[in-house]
């Protein structure tokens, strides 16, 4: 018996744990999933492949939870890929003991990758909440500085002008905030931050 899986039948077949449904998803949506993953795991081929497999496993295990009244399958799949990629990014960084380094301005690249939702993704609010949780150890003023500098990409000179202070003070606050974040993450991750 040769079963043909199509756009109209793959979800039912996925619920029945039919492996042909996964093959259909890889064929039809594989490139999309890989592009979402690659946005977070730039250049790390092995981690990207592992993440892709994690996404397929998540779909296999939780395919029955997809609700077409809440989202399209494509958006649901992209959200799974995004959060699996973020988890993989964190896991990879932790294994290298370089979860976050606040010694240089460029080290905040990780923070920017965590908060980089595409317009078509519906997970913007969840990404913002993740970032807010990450910055929970900072004062409200320091959170505002981090959002302006690293999310809105506002130049330090502009922030200083708006706050009626000099750029040196802004750099100092950001530096102290990075040190607080580093300490917080060390405590959260068992000393795995350098």
C-alpha atoms as a PDB file:
ATOM      1  CA  UNK A   1       0.000   0.000   0.000  1.00  0.00           C
ATOM      2  CA  UNK A   2       1.505   3.288  -1.108  1.00  0.00           C
ATOM      3  CA  UNK A   3      -0.005   6.143   0.855  1.00  0.00           C
ATOM      4  CA  UNK A   4       0.199   9.628  -0.610  1.00  0.00           C
ATOM      5  CA  UNK A   5       0.602  12.387   1.976  1.00  0.00           C
ATOM      6  CA  UNK A   6      -0.611  15.848   0.963  1.00  0.00           C
ATOM      7  CA  UNK A   7      -1.171  19.289   2.442  1.00  0.00           C
ATOM      8  CA  UNK A   8      -4.684  18.237   3.389  1.00  0.00           C
ATOM      9  CA  UNK A   9      -3.739  14.946   5.059  1.00  0.00           C
ATOM     10  CA  UNK A  10      -0.331  15.376   6.677  1.00  0.00           C
ATOM     11  CA  UNK A  11      -1.627  16.745  10.012  1.00  0.00           C
ATOM     12  CA  UNK A  12      -3.985  13.797  10.520  1.00  0.00           C
ATOM     13  CA  UNK A  13      -1.209  11.405   9.568  1.00  0.00           C
ATOM     14  CA  UNK A  14       1.187  13.174  11.952  1.00  0.00           C
ATOM     15  CA  UNK A  15      -1.287  12.628  14.795  1.00  0.00           C
ATOM     16  CA  UNK A  16      -1.343   8.932  13.849  1.00  0.00           C
ATOM     17  CA  UNK A  17       2.490   8.925  14.030  1.00  0.00           C
ATOM     18  CA  UNK A  18       2.848   8.124  10.351  1.00  0.00           C
ATOM     19  CA  UNK A  19       6.550   8.659   9.435  1.00  0.00           C
ATOM     20  CA  UNK A  20       5.490   9.754   5.941  1.00  0.00           C
ATOM     21  CA  UNK A  21       4.014  12.895   7.519  1.00  0.00           C
ATOM     22  CA  UNK A  22       7.459  13.904   8.790  1.00  0.00           C
ATOM     23  CA  UNK A  23       8.918  13.227   5.351  1.00  0.00           C
ATOM     24  CA  UNK A  24       6.234  15.496   3.876  1.00  0.00           C
ATOM     25  CA  UNK A  25       7.048  18.258   6.405  1.00  0.00           C
ATOM     26  CA  UNK A  26      10.778  18.008   5.632  1.00  0.00           C
ATOM     27  CA  UNK A  27      10.081  18.157   1.900  1.00  0.00           C
ATOM     28  CA  UNK A  28       7.572  21.036   2.078  1.00  0.00           C
ATOM     29  CA  UNK A  29       8.832  23.083   5.035  1.00  0.00           C
ATOM     30  CA  UNK A  30      12.431  21.929   5.560  1.00  0.00           C
ATOM     31  CA  UNK A  31      14.023  24.956   3.870  1.00  0.00           C
ATOM     32  CA  UNK A  32      11.876  27.337   5.935  1.00  0.00           C
ATOM     33  CA  UNK A  33      12.789  25.580   9.200  1.00  0.00           C
ATOM     34  CA  UNK A  34      16.485  25.641   8.277  1.00  0.00           C
ATOM     35  CA  UNK A  35      16.344  29.374   7.482  1.00  0.00           C
ATOM     36  CA  UNK A  36      14.800  30.131  10.897  1.00  0.00           C
ATOM     37  CA  UNK A  37      17.427  27.984  12.638  1.00  0.00           C
ATOM     38  CA  UNK A  38      20.294  29.533  10.656  1.00  0.00           C
ATOM     39  CA  UNK A  39      19.236  33.007  11.764  1.00  0.00           C
ATOM     40  CA  UNK A  40      20.227  32.031  15.317  1.00  0.00           C
ATOM     41  CA  UNK A  41      22.972  29.449  14.736  1.00  0.00           C
ATOM     42  CA  UNK A  42      24.856  31.279  11.989  1.00  0.00           C
ATOM     43  CA  UNK A  43      27.648  29.168  10.588  1.00  0.00           C
ATOM     44  CA  UNK A  44      27.438  26.337  13.116  1.00  0.00           C
ATOM     45  CA  UNK A  45      26.480  23.484  10.793  1.00  0.00           C
ATOM     46  CA  UNK A  46      26.572  20.701  13.377  1.00  0.00           C
ATOM     47  CA  UNK A  47      24.438  22.640  15.865  1.00  0.00           C
ATOM     48  CA  UNK A  48      22.025  23.570  13.060  1.00  0.00           C
ATOM     49  CA  UNK A  49      21.620  19.923  12.034  1.00  0.00           C
ATOM     50  CA  UNK A  50      21.055  18.852  15.649  1.00  0.00           C
ATOM     51  CA  UNK A  51      18.544  21.643  16.106  1.00  0.00           C
ATOM     52  CA  UNK A  52      16.726  20.645  12.899  1.00  0.00           C
ATOM     53  CA  UNK A  53      16.434  17.105  14.271  1.00  0.00           C
ATOM     54  CA  UNK A  54      15.186  18.491  17.610  1.00  0.00           C
ATOM     55  CA  UNK A  55      12.489  20.422  15.738  1.00  0.00           C
ATOM     56  CA  UNK A  56      11.403  17.282  13.887  1.00  0.00           C
ATOM     57  CA  UNK A  57      11.304  15.340  17.163  1.00  0.00           C
ATOM     58  CA  UNK A  58       9.223  18.092  18.789  1.00  0.00           C
ATOM     59  CA  UNK A  59       6.781  18.024  15.876  1.00  0.00           C
ATOM     60  CA  UNK A  60       6.607  14.226  16.066  1.00  0.00           C
ATOM     61  CA  UNK A  61       5.979  14.267  19.825  1.00  0.00           C
ATOM     62  CA  UNK A  62       3.625  17.259  19.897  1.00  0.00           C
ATOM     63  CA  UNK A  63       1.994  17.271  16.463  1.00  0.00           C
ATOM     64  CA  UNK A  64      -1.378  16.643  18.074  1.00  0.00           C
ATOM     65  CA  UNK A  65      -1.155  19.928  19.987  1.00  0.00           C
ATOM     66  CA  UNK A  66      -1.212  22.099  16.854  1.00  0.00           C
ATOM     67  CA  UNK A  67      -4.419  24.171  16.782  1.00  0.00           C
ATOM     68  CA  UNK A  68      -5.311  25.658  13.408  1.00  0.00           C
ATOM     69  CA  UNK A  69      -7.679  28.090  15.132  1.00  0.00           C
ATOM     70  CA  UNK A  70      -4.739  29.787  16.895  1.00  0.00           C
ATOM     71  CA  UNK A  71      -2.139  29.823  14.138  1.00  0.00           C
ATOM     72  CA  UNK A  72      -1.168  28.494  10.757  1.00  0.00           C
ATOM     73  CA  UNK A  73       0.991  25.366  10.687  1.00  0.00           C
ATOM     74  CA  UNK A  74       3.778  27.389   9.086  1.00  0.00           C
ATOM     75  CA  UNK A  75       3.804  29.936  11.954  1.00  0.00           C
ATOM     76  CA  UNK A  76       3.609  27.169  14.569  1.00  0.00           C
ATOM     77  CA  UNK A  77       6.530  25.386  12.915  1.00  0.00           C
ATOM     78  CA  UNK A  78       8.581  28.607  12.756  1.00  0.00           C
ATOM     79  CA  UNK A  79       7.940  29.270  16.451  1.00  0.00           C
ATOM     80  CA  UNK A  80       9.127  25.764  17.360  1.00  0.00           C
ATOM     81  CA  UNK A  81      12.226  26.210  15.174  1.00  0.00           C
ATOM     82  CA  UNK A  82      12.970  29.602  16.699  1.00  0.00           C
ATOM     83  CA  UNK A  83      12.778  28.469  20.312  1.00  0.00           C
ATOM     84  CA  UNK A  84      14.676  25.219  19.640  1.00  0.00           C
ATOM     85  CA  UNK A  85      17.398  27.299  17.949  1.00  0.00           C
ATOM     86  CA  UNK A  86      17.576  29.642  20.944  1.00  0.00           C
ATOM     87  CA  UNK A  87      17.799  26.627  23.269  1.00  0.00           C
ATOM     88  CA  UNK A  88      20.546  25.132  21.093  1.00  0.00           C
ATOM     89  CA  UNK A  89      22.400  28.455  21.046  1.00  0.00           C
ATOM     90  CA  UNK A  90      22.333  28.585  24.825  1.00  0.00           C
ATOM     91  CA  UNK A  91      23.369  24.938  25.167  1.00  0.00           C
ATOM     92  CA  UNK A  92      26.255  25.339  22.696  1.00  0.00           C
ATOM     93  CA  UNK A  93      27.471  28.475  24.410  1.00  0.00           C
ATOM     94  CA  UNK A  94      27.294  26.798  27.796  1.00  0.00           C
ATOM     95  CA  UNK A  95      29.327  23.829  26.569  1.00  0.00           C
ATOM     96  CA  UNK A  96      32.044  26.182  25.381  1.00  0.00           C
ATOM     97  CA  UNK A  97      31.886  28.017  28.697  1.00  0.00           C
ATOM     98  CA  UNK A  98      31.358  31.234  26.816  1.00  0.00           C
ATOM     99  CA  UNK A  99      27.694  31.807  27.586  1.00  0.00           C
ATOM    100  CA  UNK A 100      28.175  35.562  27.706  1.00  0.00           C
ATOM    101  CA  UNK A 101      31.324  37.624  27.848  1.00  0.00           C
ATOM    102  CA  UNK A 102      30.823  41.223  28.846  1.00  0.00           C
ATOM    103  CA  UNK A 103      34.444  42.268  28.401  1.00  0.00           C
ATOM    104  CA  UNK A 104      33.788  43.826  25.006  1.00  0.00           C
ATOM    105  CA  UNK A 105      30.896  45.726  23.485  1.00  0.00           C
ATOM    106  CA  UNK A 106      30.635  43.143  20.670  1.00  0.00           C
ATOM    107  CA  UNK A 107      29.879  40.364  23.147  1.00  0.00           C
ATOM    108  CA  UNK A 108      26.314  41.623  23.389  1.00  0.00           C
ATOM    109  CA  UNK A 109      25.789  40.078  19.939  1.00  0.00           C
ATOM    110  CA  UNK A 110      24.269  37.065  21.718  1.00  0.00           C
ATOM    111  CA  UNK A 111      21.719  39.306  23.414  1.00  0.00           C
ATOM    112  CA  UNK A 112      20.771  40.780  20.044  1.00  0.00           C
ATOM    113  CA  UNK A 113      20.363  37.302  18.523  1.00  0.00           C
ATOM    114  CA  UNK A 114      18.011  36.247  21.319  1.00  0.00           C
ATOM    115  CA  UNK A 115      15.869  39.293  20.650  1.00  0.00           C
ATOM    116  CA  UNK A 116      15.641  39.284  16.885  1.00  0.00           C
ATOM    117  CA  UNK A 117      12.065  38.442  15.903  1.00  0.00           C
ATOM    118  CA  UNK A 118      11.115  38.576  12.241  1.00  0.00           C
ATOM    119  CA  UNK A 119       8.094  40.671  11.372  1.00  0.00           C
ATOM    120  CA  UNK A 120       6.219  37.638  10.117  1.00  0.00           C
ATOM    121  CA  UNK A 121       6.726  35.738  13.352  1.00  0.00           C
ATOM    122  CA  UNK A 122       4.083  36.003  16.000  1.00  0.00           C
ATOM    123  CA  UNK A 123       6.534  35.386  18.850  1.00  0.00           C
ATOM    124  CA  UNK A 124       7.653  39.000  19.312  1.00  0.00           C
ATOM    125  CA  UNK A 125       5.957  39.355  22.687  1.00  0.00           C
ATOM    126  CA  UNK A 126       7.503  36.092  23.924  1.00  0.00           C
ATOM    127  CA  UNK A 127      10.964  37.224  22.783  1.00  0.00           C
ATOM    128  CA  UNK A 128      10.487  40.522  24.566  1.00  0.00           C
ATOM    129  CA  UNK A 129       9.440  38.660  27.714  1.00  0.00           C
ATOM    130  CA  UNK A 130      12.570  36.468  27.484  1.00  0.00           C
ATOM    131  CA  UNK A 131      14.725  39.561  27.264  1.00  0.00           C
ATOM    132  CA  UNK A 132      12.938  41.167  30.207  1.00  0.00           C
ATOM    133  CA  UNK A 133      13.560  38.014  32.276  1.00  0.00           C
ATOM    134  CA  UNK A 134      17.235  38.096  31.300  1.00  0.00           C
ATOM    135  CA  UNK A 135      17.479  41.717  32.480  1.00  0.00           C
ATOM    136  CA  UNK A 136      15.546  41.149  35.724  1.00  0.00           C
ATOM    137  CA  UNK A 137      18.600  41.801  37.897  1.00  0.00           C
ATOM    138  CA  UNK A 138      18.974  45.387  36.628  1.00  0.00           C
ATOM    139  CA  UNK A 139      17.343  48.567  37.891  1.00  0.00           C
ATOM    140  CA  UNK A 140      14.577  50.076  35.779  1.00  0.00           C
ATOM    141  CA  UNK A 141      16.946  52.809  34.602  1.00  0.00           C
ATOM    142  CA  UNK A 142      19.579  50.258  33.556  1.00  0.00           C
ATOM    143  CA  UNK A 143      16.949  48.120  31.776  1.00  0.00           C
ATOM    144  CA  UNK A 144      15.910  51.232  29.869  1.00  0.00           C
ATOM    145  CA  UNK A 145      19.546  51.846  28.881  1.00  0.00           C
ATOM    146  CA  UNK A 146      19.986  48.241  27.709  1.00  0.00           C
ATOM    147  CA  UNK A 147      16.775  48.341  25.676  1.00  0.00           C
ATOM    148  CA  UNK A 148      17.721  51.641  24.071  1.00  0.00           C
ATOM    149  CA  UNK A 149      21.309  50.581  23.344  1.00  0.00           C
ATOM    150  CA  UNK A 150      20.950  46.913  22.357  1.00  0.00           C
ATOM    151  CA  UNK A 151      17.345  46.468  21.215  1.00  0.00           C
ATOM    152  CA  UNK A 152      16.626  49.865  19.662  1.00  0.00           C
ATOM    153  CA  UNK A 153      20.340  50.238  18.701  1.00  0.00           C
ATOM    154  CA  UNK A 154      20.324  53.853  19.809  1.00  0.00           C
ATOM    155  CA  UNK A 155      23.785  55.490  19.857  1.00  0.00           C
ATOM    156  CA  UNK A 156      25.181  56.298  23.311  1.00  0.00           C
ATOM    157  CA  UNK A 157      25.514  59.976  22.349  1.00  0.00           C
ATOM    158  CA  UNK A 158      21.749  60.149  21.629  1.00  0.00           C
ATOM    159  CA  UNK A 159      20.887  58.413  24.901  1.00  0.00           C
ATOM    160  CA  UNK A 160      23.154  60.819  26.808  1.00  0.00           C
ATOM    161  CA  UNK A 161      21.572  63.825  25.094  1.00  0.00           C
ATOM    162  CA  UNK A 162      18.040  62.623  25.968  1.00  0.00           C
ATOM    163  CA  UNK A 163      19.033  61.925  29.579  1.00  0.00           C
ATOM    164  CA  UNK A 164      20.885  65.257  29.802  1.00  0.00           C
ATOM    165  CA  UNK A 165      24.177  63.689  30.853  1.00  0.00           C
ATOM    166  CA  UNK A 166      27.514  62.952  29.221  1.00  0.00           C
ATOM    167  CA  UNK A 167      28.228  59.770  27.216  1.00  0.00           C
ATOM    168  CA  UNK A 168      30.881  58.668  29.739  1.00  0.00           C
ATOM    169  CA  UNK A 169      28.193  58.257  32.392  1.00  0.00           C
ATOM    170  CA  UNK A 170      26.058  56.188  30.024  1.00  0.00           C
ATOM    171  CA  UNK A 171      29.018  53.940  29.164  1.00  0.00           C
ATOM    172  CA  UNK A 172      29.764  53.538  32.883  1.00  0.00           C
ATOM    173  CA  UNK A 173      26.155  52.549  33.671  1.00  0.00           C
ATOM    174  CA  UNK A 174      26.097  50.081  30.792  1.00  0.00           C
ATOM    175  CA  UNK A 175      29.424  48.628  31.948  1.00  0.00           C
ATOM    176  CA  UNK A 176      28.125  48.205  35.513  1.00  0.00           C
ATOM    177  CA  UNK A 177      24.925  46.679  34.134  1.00  0.00           C
ATOM    178  CA  UNK A 178      26.941  44.178  32.078  1.00  0.00           C
ATOM    179  CA  UNK A 179      28.879  43.203  35.208  1.00  0.00           C
ATOM    180  CA  UNK A 180      25.611  42.684  37.120  1.00  0.00           C
ATOM    181  CA  UNK A 181      24.265  40.580  34.246  1.00  0.00           C
ATOM    182  CA  UNK A 182      27.461  38.542  34.148  1.00  0.00           C
ATOM    183  CA  UNK A 183      27.233  37.881  37.893  1.00  0.00           C
ATOM    184  CA  UNK A 184      23.538  37.003  37.622  1.00  0.00           C
ATOM    185  CA  UNK A 185      24.171  34.575  34.749  1.00  0.00           C
ATOM    186  CA  UNK A 186      27.098  32.991  36.588  1.00  0.00           C
ATOM    187  CA  UNK A 187      24.775  32.259  39.485  1.00  0.00           C
ATOM    188  CA  UNK A 188      22.065  30.934  37.145  1.00  0.00           C
ATOM    189  CA  UNK A 189      24.430  28.743  35.133  1.00  0.00           C
ATOM    190  CA  UNK A 190      26.685  27.368  37.831  1.00  0.00           C
ATOM    191  CA  UNK A 191      29.664  29.596  37.155  1.00  0.00           C
ATOM    192  CA  UNK A 192      29.795  28.901  33.409  1.00  0.00           C
ATOM    193  CA  UNK A 193      30.218  32.553  32.368  1.00  0.00           C
ATOM    194  CA  UNK A 194      33.534  34.171  31.539  1.00  0.00           C
END
